[in-house]
Amino acid sequence: MKFDPEIHQRRSIRLASYDYSSIGFYFVTICIQNRKCLLGKIVDSEVVLNDAGWMVDHWWCELTNKFSTVGLDHYVIMPNHLHGILILQSPVGADQCVCPDPDLSEYPGGHTDLPLPKMIQWFKTMPTNAYIRGVNNNCWPPFPGKLWQRNYYERIIRNEGELHNTRQYIRDNPMQWVSNNENPANHQNHVP
């Protein structure tokens, strides 16, 4: 079927009236396309990352170097997805548009007040490029089409109770892999 903008409109799953550059805690889930387990495996309820998984870990941690207003809280990289809590903070002593000292950043001119979707877009781009290099240079398994699913899931964490529950969910995620909806084994025999 040919693309028709009247019929095929991308719907945003973001809250229309919410400012995603607002200070606060955000729980995000980012999934590998088609649930392919490219980042590691679960052994005895523990995550065992492969080289690609460690590469994703590296780029997740680099968010704090790229964006001076983001902090990292609990996160876990699973075989085919990532759960993490990002903390958007107010810039301290910084121009609202640019990092305060480009010499201190590997990514000069990084914006400090970008909304969450732009940060996730940057994050998804960096591991994708690194994964392609891994396929070409290190024989990593190729991915069809795109490495990441088109969108991501996010939830605004509104209070201490939600923050505690989200942290616990992240910690428990490897132990729940057998029943996890993202586990491809739970979809192999599924008949629609």
N, C-alpha and C. Protein backbone atom coordinates (compact mmCIF):
# COMPACT_ATOMS: atom_id res chain seq x y z
N MET A 1 0.83 -1.17 0.00
CA MET A 1 0.00 0.00 0.00
C MET A 1 0.88 1.24 0.00
N LYS A 2 0.62 2.15 -0.89
CA LYS A 2 1.38 3.38 -1.00
C LYS A 2 1.08 4.30 0.19
N PHE A 3 2.11 5.04 0.65
CA PHE A 3 1.94 5.96 1.78
C PHE A 3 0.95 7.05 1.42
N ASP A 4 -0.03 7.24 2.27
CA ASP A 4 -1.02 8.29 2.13
C ASP A 4 -1.05 9.09 3.42
N PRO A 5 -0.60 10.37 3.40
CA PRO A 5 -0.54 11.14 4.65
C PRO A 5 -1.89 11.34 5.32
N GLU A 6 -2.97 11.18 4.58
CA GLU A 6 -4.30 11.31 5.18
C GLU A 6 -4.65 10.08 6.02
N ILE A 7 -4.09 8.94 5.66
CA ILE A 7 -4.38 7.69 6.35
C ILE A 7 -3.27 7.32 7.33
N HIS A 8 -2.02 7.42 6.87
CA HIS A 8 -0.87 6.96 7.64
C HIS A 8 -0.25 8.12 8.40
N GLN A 9 -0.78 8.42 9.54
CA GLN A 9 -0.22 9.47 10.36
C GLN A 9 0.41 8.84 11.59
N ARG A 10 1.63 9.28 11.87
CA ARG A 10 2.30 8.80 13.08
C ARG A 10 1.67 9.48 14.28
N ARG A 11 1.23 8.68 15.21
CA ARG A 11 0.68 9.23 16.44
C ARG A 11 1.76 9.27 17.50
N SER A 12 1.85 10.37 18.18
CA SER A 12 2.80 10.49 19.27
C SER A 12 2.23 9.84 20.52
N ILE A 13 3.09 9.14 21.25
CA ILE A 13 2.66 8.58 22.51
C ILE A 13 3.02 9.52 23.67
N ARG A 14 3.59 10.68 23.37
CA ARG A 14 3.93 11.67 24.38
C ARG A 14 2.68 12.42 24.81
N LEU A 15 2.69 12.92 26.04
CA LEU A 15 1.60 13.77 26.51
C LEU A 15 1.67 15.10 25.77
N ALA A 16 0.61 15.47 25.09
CA ALA A 16 0.62 16.64 24.22
C ALA A 16 0.96 17.93 24.94
N SER A 17 0.50 18.10 26.16
CA SER A 17 0.69 19.38 26.85
C SER A 17 1.87 19.37 27.82
N TYR A 18 2.66 18.29 27.85
CA TYR A 18 3.73 18.20 28.83
C TYR A 18 5.05 18.68 28.23
N ASP A 19 5.81 19.44 29.00
CA ASP A 19 7.12 19.94 28.59
C ASP A 19 8.18 18.91 28.98
N TYR A 20 8.68 18.15 28.02
CA TYR A 20 9.64 17.08 28.28
C TYR A 20 11.07 17.59 28.50
N SER A 21 11.20 18.89 28.72
CA SER A 21 12.48 19.42 29.20
C SER A 21 12.33 19.83 30.66
N SER A 22 11.17 19.53 31.26
CA SER A 22 10.91 19.88 32.66
C SER A 22 11.80 19.08 33.60
N ILE A 23 12.21 19.71 34.69
CA ILE A 23 13.00 19.06 35.72
C ILE A 23 12.18 17.91 36.31
N GLY A 24 12.83 16.77 36.49
CA GLY A 24 12.14 15.63 37.08
C GLY A 24 12.79 14.31 36.74
N PHE A 25 12.16 13.24 37.19
CA PHE A 25 12.61 11.87 36.95
C PHE A 25 11.73 11.25 35.86
N TYR A 26 12.37 10.56 34.92
CA TYR A 26 11.67 9.94 33.80
C TYR A 26 12.14 8.49 33.69
N PHE A 27 11.19 7.57 33.66
CA PHE A 27 11.49 6.16 33.44
C PHE A 27 11.34 5.89 31.96
N VAL A 28 12.40 5.38 31.33
CA VAL A 28 12.35 5.10 29.89
C VAL A 28 12.68 3.64 29.62
N THR A 29 12.06 3.11 28.57
CA THR A 29 12.35 1.78 28.06
C THR A 29 12.60 1.92 26.56
N ILE A 30 13.73 1.40 26.12
CA ILE A 30 14.11 1.47 24.72
C ILE A 30 14.37 0.03 24.27
N CYS A 31 13.72 -0.39 23.18
CA CYS A 31 13.76 -1.79 22.75
C CYS A 31 14.48 -1.97 21.42
N ILE A 32 15.16 -3.11 21.32
CA ILE A 32 15.76 -3.52 20.05
C ILE A 32 14.62 -3.94 19.11
N GLN A 33 14.77 -3.61 17.84
CA GLN A 33 13.78 -3.95 16.83
C GLN A 33 13.50 -5.45 16.83
N ASN A 34 12.24 -5.83 16.77
CA ASN A 34 11.79 -7.22 16.68
C ASN A 34 12.24 -8.10 17.84
N ARG A 35 12.51 -7.50 18.98
CA ARG A 35 12.91 -8.23 20.20
C ARG A 35 14.16 -9.09 20.02
N LYS A 36 15.00 -8.77 19.07
CA LYS A 36 16.21 -9.57 18.87
C LYS A 36 17.16 -9.37 20.05
N CYS A 37 17.64 -10.45 20.58
CA CYS A 37 18.54 -10.41 21.74
C CYS A 37 19.97 -10.20 21.27
N LEU A 38 20.32 -8.96 21.05
CA LEU A 38 21.63 -8.61 20.51
C LEU A 38 22.61 -8.11 21.57
N LEU A 39 22.14 -7.92 22.81
CA LEU A 39 22.97 -7.24 23.82
C LEU A 39 23.50 -8.16 24.91
N GLY A 40 23.10 -9.41 24.89
CA GLY A 40 23.57 -10.34 25.91
C GLY A 40 22.54 -11.41 26.19
N LYS A 41 22.60 -11.97 27.39
CA LYS A 41 21.66 -13.02 27.78
C LYS A 41 21.46 -12.97 29.29
N ILE A 42 20.49 -13.73 29.75
CA ILE A 42 20.23 -13.87 31.18
C ILE A 42 20.71 -15.27 31.60
N VAL A 43 21.57 -15.31 32.61
CA VAL A 43 22.08 -16.57 33.14
C VAL A 43 21.83 -16.55 34.66
N ASP A 44 21.07 -17.52 35.14
CA ASP A 44 20.75 -17.61 36.56
C ASP A 44 20.22 -16.28 37.11
N SER A 45 19.28 -15.70 36.38
CA SER A 45 18.60 -14.45 36.75
C SER A 45 19.53 -13.24 36.81
N GLU A 46 20.67 -13.33 36.15
CA GLU A 46 21.61 -12.22 36.07
C GLU A 46 21.86 -11.86 34.61
N VAL A 47 22.03 -10.58 34.33
CA VAL A 47 22.34 -10.13 32.98
C VAL A 47 23.82 -10.38 32.70
N VAL A 48 24.10 -11.01 31.56
CA VAL A 48 25.47 -11.18 31.09
C VAL A 48 25.53 -10.46 29.75
N LEU A 49 26.13 -9.27 29.78
CA LEU A 49 26.22 -8.47 28.56
C LEU A 49 27.32 -9.01 27.65
N ASN A 50 27.07 -8.94 26.36
CA ASN A 50 28.12 -9.23 25.39
C ASN A 50 28.79 -7.89 25.04
N ASP A 51 29.68 -7.90 24.05
CA ASP A 51 30.37 -6.66 23.69
C ASP A 51 29.40 -5.56 23.26
N ALA A 52 28.35 -5.95 22.53
CA ALA A 52 27.36 -4.96 22.10
C ALA A 52 26.61 -4.39 23.30
N GLY A 53 26.32 -5.21 24.28
CA GLY A 53 25.66 -4.73 25.49
C GLY A 53 26.53 -3.75 26.26
N TRP A 54 27.83 -4.05 26.35
CA TRP A 54 28.74 -3.12 27.03
C TRP A 54 28.87 -1.81 26.25
N MET A 55 28.81 -1.91 24.93
CA MET A 55 28.85 -0.70 24.10
C MET A 55 27.62 0.16 24.39
N VAL A 56 26.43 -0.45 24.50
CA VAL A 56 25.21 0.30 24.82
C VAL A 56 25.35 0.92 26.20
N ASP A 57 25.90 0.17 27.15
CA ASP A 57 26.13 0.70 28.49
C ASP A 57 27.01 1.96 28.42
N HIS A 58 28.07 1.90 27.64
CA HIS A 58 28.97 3.05 27.48
C HIS A 58 28.20 4.28 27.00
N TRP A 59 27.37 4.11 25.96
CA TRP A 59 26.66 5.27 25.40
C TRP A 59 25.56 5.76 26.33
N TRP A 60 24.96 4.86 27.12
CA TRP A 60 23.97 5.31 28.12
C TRP A 60 24.67 6.24 29.13
N CYS A 61 25.85 5.82 29.58
CA CYS A 61 26.59 6.64 30.55
C CYS A 61 27.08 7.95 29.94
N GLU A 62 27.31 7.96 28.63
CA GLU A 62 27.77 9.17 27.96
C GLU A 62 26.69 10.26 27.89
N LEU A 63 25.45 9.90 28.15
CA LEU A 63 24.39 10.92 28.17
C LEU A 63 24.75 12.07 29.10
N THR A 64 25.39 11.77 30.22
CA THR A 64 25.73 12.82 31.19
C THR A 64 26.86 13.72 30.69
N ASN A 65 27.68 13.23 29.77
CA ASN A 65 28.72 14.06 29.18
C ASN A 65 28.18 14.92 28.04
N LYS A 66 27.24 14.37 27.32
CA LYS A 66 26.65 15.09 26.19
C LYS A 66 25.69 16.18 26.67
N PHE A 67 24.88 15.85 27.67
CA PHE A 67 23.84 16.76 28.15
C PHE A 67 24.10 17.08 29.62
N SER A 68 24.51 18.30 29.90
CA SER A 68 24.88 18.66 31.26
C SER A 68 23.70 18.69 32.22
N THR A 69 22.49 18.67 31.72
CA THR A 69 21.31 18.73 32.59
C THR A 69 20.69 17.36 32.82
N VAL A 70 21.35 16.29 32.41
CA VAL A 70 20.79 14.96 32.64
C VAL A 70 21.66 14.20 33.63
N GLY A 71 20.99 13.49 34.51
CA GLY A 71 21.67 12.59 35.44
C GLY A 71 21.10 11.19 35.27
N LEU A 72 21.88 10.20 35.65
CA LEU A 72 21.44 8.82 35.54
C LEU A 72 21.10 8.29 36.93
N ASP A 73 20.05 7.53 36.99
CA ASP A 73 19.66 6.84 38.21
C ASP A 73 19.77 5.35 37.89
N HIS A 74 18.97 4.51 38.47
CA HIS A 74 19.01 3.07 38.21
C HIS A 74 18.76 2.80 36.72
N TYR A 75 19.45 1.78 36.21
CA TYR A 75 19.18 1.30 34.85
C TYR A 75 19.63 -0.14 34.73
N VAL A 76 19.09 -0.81 33.74
CA VAL A 76 19.52 -2.18 33.44
C VAL A 76 19.45 -2.37 31.93
N ILE A 77 20.48 -2.99 31.39
CA ILE A 77 20.48 -3.35 29.98
C ILE A 77 20.15 -4.83 29.93
N MET A 78 19.06 -5.15 29.27
CA MET A 78 18.59 -6.51 29.13
C MET A 78 19.03 -7.03 27.75
N PRO A 79 18.81 -8.31 27.44
CA PRO A 79 19.25 -8.83 26.14
C PRO A 79 18.70 -8.07 24.93
N ASN A 80 17.51 -7.48 25.06
CA ASN A 80 16.93 -6.80 23.90
C ASN A 80 16.24 -5.48 24.24
N HIS A 81 16.50 -4.95 25.41
CA HIS A 81 15.94 -3.65 25.76
C HIS A 81 16.70 -3.06 26.94
N LEU A 82 16.43 -1.79 27.18
CA LEU A 82 17.06 -1.07 28.27
C LEU A 82 15.96 -0.38 29.07
N HIS A 83 16.04 -0.46 30.39
CA HIS A 83 15.19 0.31 31.28
C HIS A 83 16.11 1.27 32.03
N GLY A 84 15.71 2.52 32.15
CA GLY A 84 16.52 3.44 32.93
C GLY A 84 15.72 4.62 33.43
N ILE A 85 16.23 5.21 34.48
CA ILE A 85 15.64 6.44 35.02
C ILE A 85 16.61 7.57 34.70
N LEU A 86 16.11 8.56 33.98
CA LEU A 86 16.88 9.76 33.69
C LEU A 86 16.36 10.88 34.57
N ILE A 87 17.28 11.70 35.07
CA ILE A 87 16.93 12.84 35.90
C ILE A 87 17.27 14.09 35.10
N LEU A 88 16.25 14.86 34.75
CA LEU A 88 16.49 16.14 34.09
C LEU A 88 16.61 17.20 35.18
N GLN A 89 17.75 17.89 35.17
CA GLN A 89 18.08 18.85 36.21
C GLN A 89 18.20 20.25 35.61
N SER A 90 18.16 21.25 36.45
CA SER A 90 18.36 22.61 35.95
C SER A 90 19.85 22.83 35.73
N PRO A 91 20.19 23.60 34.71
CA PRO A 91 21.60 23.89 34.47
C PRO A 91 22.16 24.77 35.59
N VAL A 92 23.36 24.45 36.03
CA VAL A 92 24.00 25.23 37.09
C VAL A 92 25.11 26.05 36.47
N GLY A 93 24.95 27.37 36.52
CA GLY A 93 25.97 28.26 35.98
C GLY A 93 26.20 28.09 34.50
N ALA A 94 25.18 27.67 33.77
CA ALA A 94 25.36 27.41 32.35
C ALA A 94 24.43 28.27 31.53
N ASP A 95 24.90 28.62 30.37
CA ASP A 95 24.03 29.24 29.38
C ASP A 95 22.94 28.24 29.07
N GLN A 96 21.73 28.69 28.86
CA GLN A 96 20.61 27.78 28.65
C GLN A 96 20.71 26.98 27.35
N CYS A 97 21.60 27.33 26.46
CA CYS A 97 21.63 26.65 25.16
C CYS A 97 22.87 25.80 24.94
N VAL A 98 23.99 26.13 25.58
CA VAL A 98 25.23 25.47 25.23
C VAL A 98 25.98 25.07 26.49
N CYS A 99 26.75 23.97 26.40
CA CYS A 99 27.57 23.54 27.53
C CYS A 99 28.45 24.69 27.99
N PRO A 100 28.70 24.83 29.30
CA PRO A 100 29.46 25.95 29.80
C PRO A 100 30.92 25.96 29.36
N ASP A 101 31.54 24.82 29.19
CA ASP A 101 32.94 24.78 28.80
C ASP A 101 33.15 23.67 27.78
N PRO A 102 33.17 24.02 26.49
CA PRO A 102 33.31 22.99 25.45
C PRO A 102 34.56 22.14 25.59
N ASP A 103 35.63 22.68 26.24
CA ASP A 103 36.85 21.90 26.41
C ASP A 103 36.67 20.73 27.36
N LEU A 104 35.64 20.79 28.22
CA LEU A 104 35.41 19.72 29.17
C LEU A 104 34.51 18.63 28.60
N SER A 105 34.00 18.84 27.42
CA SER A 105 33.06 17.89 26.84
C SER A 105 33.64 17.27 25.59
N GLU A 106 33.43 15.97 25.45
CA GLU A 106 33.84 15.28 24.23
C GLU A 106 32.97 15.74 23.06
N TYR A 107 31.83 16.34 23.37
CA TYR A 107 30.86 16.76 22.37
C TYR A 107 30.63 18.26 22.51
N PRO A 108 31.56 19.10 22.01
CA PRO A 108 31.43 20.54 22.20
C PRO A 108 30.10 21.06 21.64
N GLY A 109 29.59 22.07 22.34
CA GLY A 109 28.36 22.71 21.89
C GLY A 109 27.11 21.92 22.19
N GLY A 110 27.21 20.89 23.03
CA GLY A 110 26.02 20.10 23.37
C GLY A 110 24.98 20.95 24.07
N HIS A 111 23.76 20.82 23.68
CA HIS A 111 22.69 21.61 24.28
C HIS A 111 22.38 21.09 25.67
N THR A 112 22.05 22.02 26.58
CA THR A 112 21.81 21.63 27.95
C THR A 112 20.34 21.56 28.30
N ASP A 113 19.46 22.12 27.49
CA ASP A 113 18.06 22.14 27.87
C ASP A 113 17.17 21.45 26.84
N LEU A 114 17.71 20.46 26.18
CA LEU A 114 16.92 19.74 25.19
C LEU A 114 15.87 18.88 25.87
N PRO A 115 14.75 18.68 25.22
CA PRO A 115 13.73 17.81 25.79
C PRO A 115 14.16 16.35 25.71
N LEU A 116 13.52 15.55 26.53
CA LEU A 116 13.81 14.13 26.62
C LEU A 116 13.85 13.43 25.26
N PRO A 117 12.87 13.66 24.36
CA PRO A 117 12.92 12.96 23.06
C PRO A 117 14.22 13.20 22.28
N LYS A 118 14.76 14.40 22.35
CA LYS A 118 16.02 14.68 21.64
C LYS A 118 17.19 13.93 22.27
N MET A 119 17.16 13.79 23.59
CA MET A 119 18.22 13.03 24.27
C MET A 119 18.16 11.56 23.88
N ILE A 120 16.97 11.03 23.84
CA ILE A 120 16.80 9.62 23.46
C ILE A 120 17.20 9.42 22.00
N GLN A 121 16.85 10.37 21.15
CA GLN A 121 17.25 10.29 19.74
C GLN A 121 18.77 10.23 19.63
N TRP A 122 19.47 11.09 20.36
CA TRP A 122 20.93 11.09 20.34
C TRP A 122 21.44 9.74 20.84
N PHE A 123 20.86 9.27 21.97
CA PHE A 123 21.30 8.00 22.51
C PHE A 123 21.12 6.87 21.51
N LYS A 124 19.98 6.79 20.85
CA LYS A 124 19.74 5.70 19.91
C LYS A 124 20.69 5.76 18.71
N THR A 125 21.06 6.96 18.30
CA THR A 125 21.96 7.14 17.16
C THR A 125 23.36 6.63 17.46
N MET A 126 23.89 6.97 18.62
CA MET A 126 25.28 6.63 18.92
C MET A 126 25.51 5.11 18.98
N PRO A 127 24.71 4.34 19.73
CA PRO A 127 24.91 2.88 19.71
C PRO A 127 24.63 2.26 18.35
N THR A 128 23.69 2.83 17.59
CA THR A 128 23.44 2.29 16.25
C THR A 128 24.69 2.38 15.40
N ASN A 129 25.34 3.54 15.40
CA ASN A 129 26.57 3.71 14.61
C ASN A 129 27.67 2.78 15.11
N ALA A 130 27.80 2.67 16.43
CA ALA A 130 28.82 1.78 16.99
C ALA A 130 28.50 0.31 16.69
N TYR A 131 27.22 -0.04 16.71
CA TYR A 131 26.85 -1.43 16.42
C TYR A 131 27.16 -1.77 14.95
N ILE A 132 26.91 -0.84 14.06
CA ILE A 132 27.24 -1.06 12.64
C ILE A 132 28.74 -1.31 12.50
N ARG A 133 29.55 -0.53 13.22
CA ARG A 133 31.01 -0.78 13.19
C ARG A 133 31.32 -2.17 13.75
N GLY A 134 30.59 -2.59 14.79
CA GLY A 134 30.79 -3.93 15.35
C GLY A 134 30.44 -5.03 14.37
N VAL A 135 29.39 -4.81 13.58
CA VAL A 135 29.02 -5.78 12.55
C VAL A 135 30.14 -5.86 11.51
N ASN A 136 30.62 -4.71 11.07
CA ASN A 136 31.64 -4.66 10.02
C ASN A 136 33.01 -5.14 10.47
N ASN A 137 33.38 -4.84 11.72
CA ASN A 137 34.74 -5.11 12.19
C ASN A 137 34.87 -6.29 13.13
N ASN A 138 33.79 -6.66 13.81
CA ASN A 138 33.89 -7.67 14.86
C ASN A 138 32.91 -8.83 14.70
N CYS A 139 32.28 -8.91 13.55
CA CYS A 139 31.35 -10.00 13.25
C CYS A 139 30.16 -10.08 14.21
N TRP A 140 29.68 -8.92 14.72
CA TRP A 140 28.47 -8.93 15.53
C TRP A 140 27.31 -9.33 14.64
N PRO A 141 26.28 -9.94 15.18
CA PRO A 141 25.13 -10.31 14.35
C PRO A 141 24.48 -9.07 13.75
N PRO A 142 24.21 -9.09 12.45
CA PRO A 142 23.58 -7.92 11.84
C PRO A 142 22.12 -7.80 12.29
N PHE A 143 21.60 -6.61 12.14
CA PHE A 143 20.19 -6.38 12.46
C PHE A 143 19.48 -5.98 11.17
N PRO A 144 18.26 -6.43 11.00
CA PRO A 144 17.52 -6.06 9.80
C PRO A 144 16.90 -4.67 9.96
N GLY A 145 17.09 -3.82 9.00
CA GLY A 145 16.46 -2.49 9.04
C GLY A 145 17.09 -1.57 10.06
N LYS A 146 16.48 -1.46 11.22
CA LYS A 146 16.95 -0.55 12.27
C LYS A 146 17.31 -1.34 13.52
N LEU A 147 18.25 -0.81 14.28
CA LEU A 147 18.64 -1.46 15.53
C LEU A 147 17.55 -1.31 16.58
N TRP A 148 17.00 -0.13 16.72
CA TRP A 148 16.01 0.16 17.76
C TRP A 148 14.61 0.25 17.18
N GLN A 149 13.63 -0.09 17.98
CA GLN A 149 12.25 0.17 17.58
C GLN A 149 12.08 1.67 17.37
N ARG A 150 11.09 2.03 16.56
CA ARG A 150 10.91 3.43 16.16
C ARG A 150 10.72 4.36 17.34
N ASN A 151 10.01 3.98 18.35
CA ASN A 151 9.72 4.87 19.44
C ASN A 151 10.35 4.34 20.72
N TYR A 152 9.95 4.84 21.82
CA TYR A 152 10.38 4.35 23.13
C TYR A 152 9.23 4.62 24.10
N TYR A 153 9.30 3.98 25.24
CA TYR A 153 8.28 4.18 26.26
C TYR A 153 8.87 5.08 27.33
N GLU A 154 8.08 6.01 27.82
CA GLU A 154 8.53 6.81 28.95
C GLU A 154 7.38 7.05 29.90
N ARG A 155 7.74 7.21 31.15
CA ARG A 155 6.75 7.56 32.17
C ARG A 155 7.36 8.62 33.07
N ILE A 156 6.59 9.64 33.36
CA ILE A 156 7.02 10.68 34.27
C ILE A 156 6.85 10.15 35.69
N ILE A 157 7.91 10.17 36.46
CA ILE A 157 7.84 9.70 37.85
C ILE A 157 7.44 10.89 38.70
N ARG A 158 6.31 10.78 39.36
CA ARG A 158 5.71 11.93 40.02
C ARG A 158 5.94 12.04 41.52
N ASN A 159 6.40 10.95 42.18
CA ASN A 159 6.59 11.04 43.63
C ASN A 159 7.59 9.97 44.08
N GLU A 160 7.96 10.04 45.36
CA GLU A 160 8.95 9.12 45.92
C GLU A 160 8.50 7.65 45.83
N GLY A 161 7.20 7.41 46.04
CA GLY A 161 6.70 6.04 45.96
C GLY A 161 6.89 5.45 44.57
N GLU A 162 6.56 6.24 43.54
CA GLU A 162 6.77 5.78 42.15
C GLU A 162 8.24 5.57 41.87
N LEU A 163 9.09 6.47 42.38
CA LEU A 163 10.53 6.33 42.17
C LEU A 163 11.03 5.03 42.81
N HIS A 164 10.62 4.76 44.03
CA HIS A 164 11.01 3.52 44.71
C HIS A 164 10.54 2.29 43.93
N ASN A 165 9.27 2.29 43.50
CA ASN A 165 8.73 1.14 42.76
C ASN A 165 9.43 0.95 41.42
N THR A 166 9.76 2.04 40.77
CA THR A 166 10.44 1.94 39.46
C THR A 166 11.85 1.41 39.64
N ARG A 167 12.55 1.88 40.66
CA ARG A 167 13.89 1.35 40.93
C ARG A 167 13.83 -0.15 41.22
N GLN A 168 12.83 -0.57 41.98
CA GLN A 168 12.69 -1.99 42.30
C GLN A 168 12.38 -2.80 41.04
N TYR A 169 11.54 -2.26 40.17
CA TYR A 169 11.21 -2.93 38.91
C TYR A 169 12.48 -3.12 38.08
N ILE A 170 13.31 -2.11 38.01
CA ILE A 170 14.56 -2.19 37.25
C ILE A 170 15.47 -3.26 37.87
N ARG A 171 15.62 -3.24 39.18
CA ARG A 171 16.48 -4.23 39.85
C ARG A 171 15.98 -5.65 39.61
N ASP A 172 14.65 -5.83 39.64
CA ASP A 172 14.06 -7.17 39.52
C ASP A 172 13.94 -7.66 38.07
N ASN A 173 14.14 -6.79 37.10
CA ASN A 173 13.87 -7.15 35.71
C ASN A 173 14.62 -8.40 35.25
N PRO A 174 15.90 -8.56 35.54
CA PRO A 174 16.58 -9.79 35.10
C PRO A 174 15.96 -11.06 35.70
N MET A 175 15.50 -10.98 36.95
CA MET A 175 14.89 -12.15 37.60
C MET A 175 13.53 -12.48 36.98
N GLN A 176 12.91 -11.52 36.31
CA GLN A 176 11.59 -11.71 35.71
C GLN A 176 11.67 -12.08 34.22
N TRP A 177 12.87 -12.29 33.70
CA TRP A 177 13.06 -12.51 32.27
C TRP A 177 12.22 -13.66 31.73
N VAL A 178 12.08 -14.72 32.48
CA VAL A 178 11.33 -15.89 32.01
C VAL A 178 9.90 -15.51 31.64
N SER A 179 9.30 -14.60 32.38
CA SER A 179 7.92 -14.20 32.12
C SER A 179 7.81 -12.82 31.45
N ASN A 180 8.94 -12.20 31.14
CA ASN A 180 8.95 -10.85 30.59
C ASN A 180 8.34 -10.82 29.20
N ASN A 181 7.52 -9.82 28.94
CA ASN A 181 6.87 -9.67 27.64
C ASN A 181 7.89 -9.41 26.52
N GLU A 182 9.06 -8.88 26.85
CA GLU A 182 10.09 -8.63 25.84
C GLU A 182 10.92 -9.87 25.53
N ASN A 183 10.76 -10.92 26.29
CA ASN A 183 11.50 -12.16 26.05
C ASN A 183 10.92 -12.83 24.80
N PRO A 184 11.71 -12.97 23.74
CA PRO A 184 11.20 -13.57 22.50
C PRO A 184 10.66 -14.98 22.69
N ALA A 185 11.17 -15.70 23.67
CA ALA A 185 10.67 -17.06 23.92
C ALA A 185 9.20 -17.06 24.29
N ASN A 186 8.70 -15.98 24.80
CA ASN A 186 7.30 -15.88 25.17
C ASN A 186 6.39 -15.55 23.98
N HIS A 187 6.98 -15.41 22.80
CA HIS A 187 6.20 -15.06 21.60
C HIS A 187 6.39 -16.06 20.47
N GLN A 188 7.28 -17.03 20.62
CA GLN A 188 7.57 -17.96 19.54
C GLN A 188 6.39 -18.84 19.17
N ASN A 189 5.64 -19.29 20.14
CA ASN A 189 4.52 -20.17 19.86
C ASN A 189 3.16 -19.44 19.89
N HIS A 190 3.24 -18.12 19.89
CA HIS A 190 2.02 -17.32 19.95
C HIS A 190 1.30 -17.35 18.59
N VAL A 191 0.04 -17.69 18.61
CA VAL A 191 -0.76 -17.68 17.38
C VAL A 191 -1.77 -16.54 17.49
N PRO A 192 -1.68 -15.53 16.59
CA PRO A 192 -2.59 -14.39 16.69
C PRO A 192 -4.03 -14.77 16.38
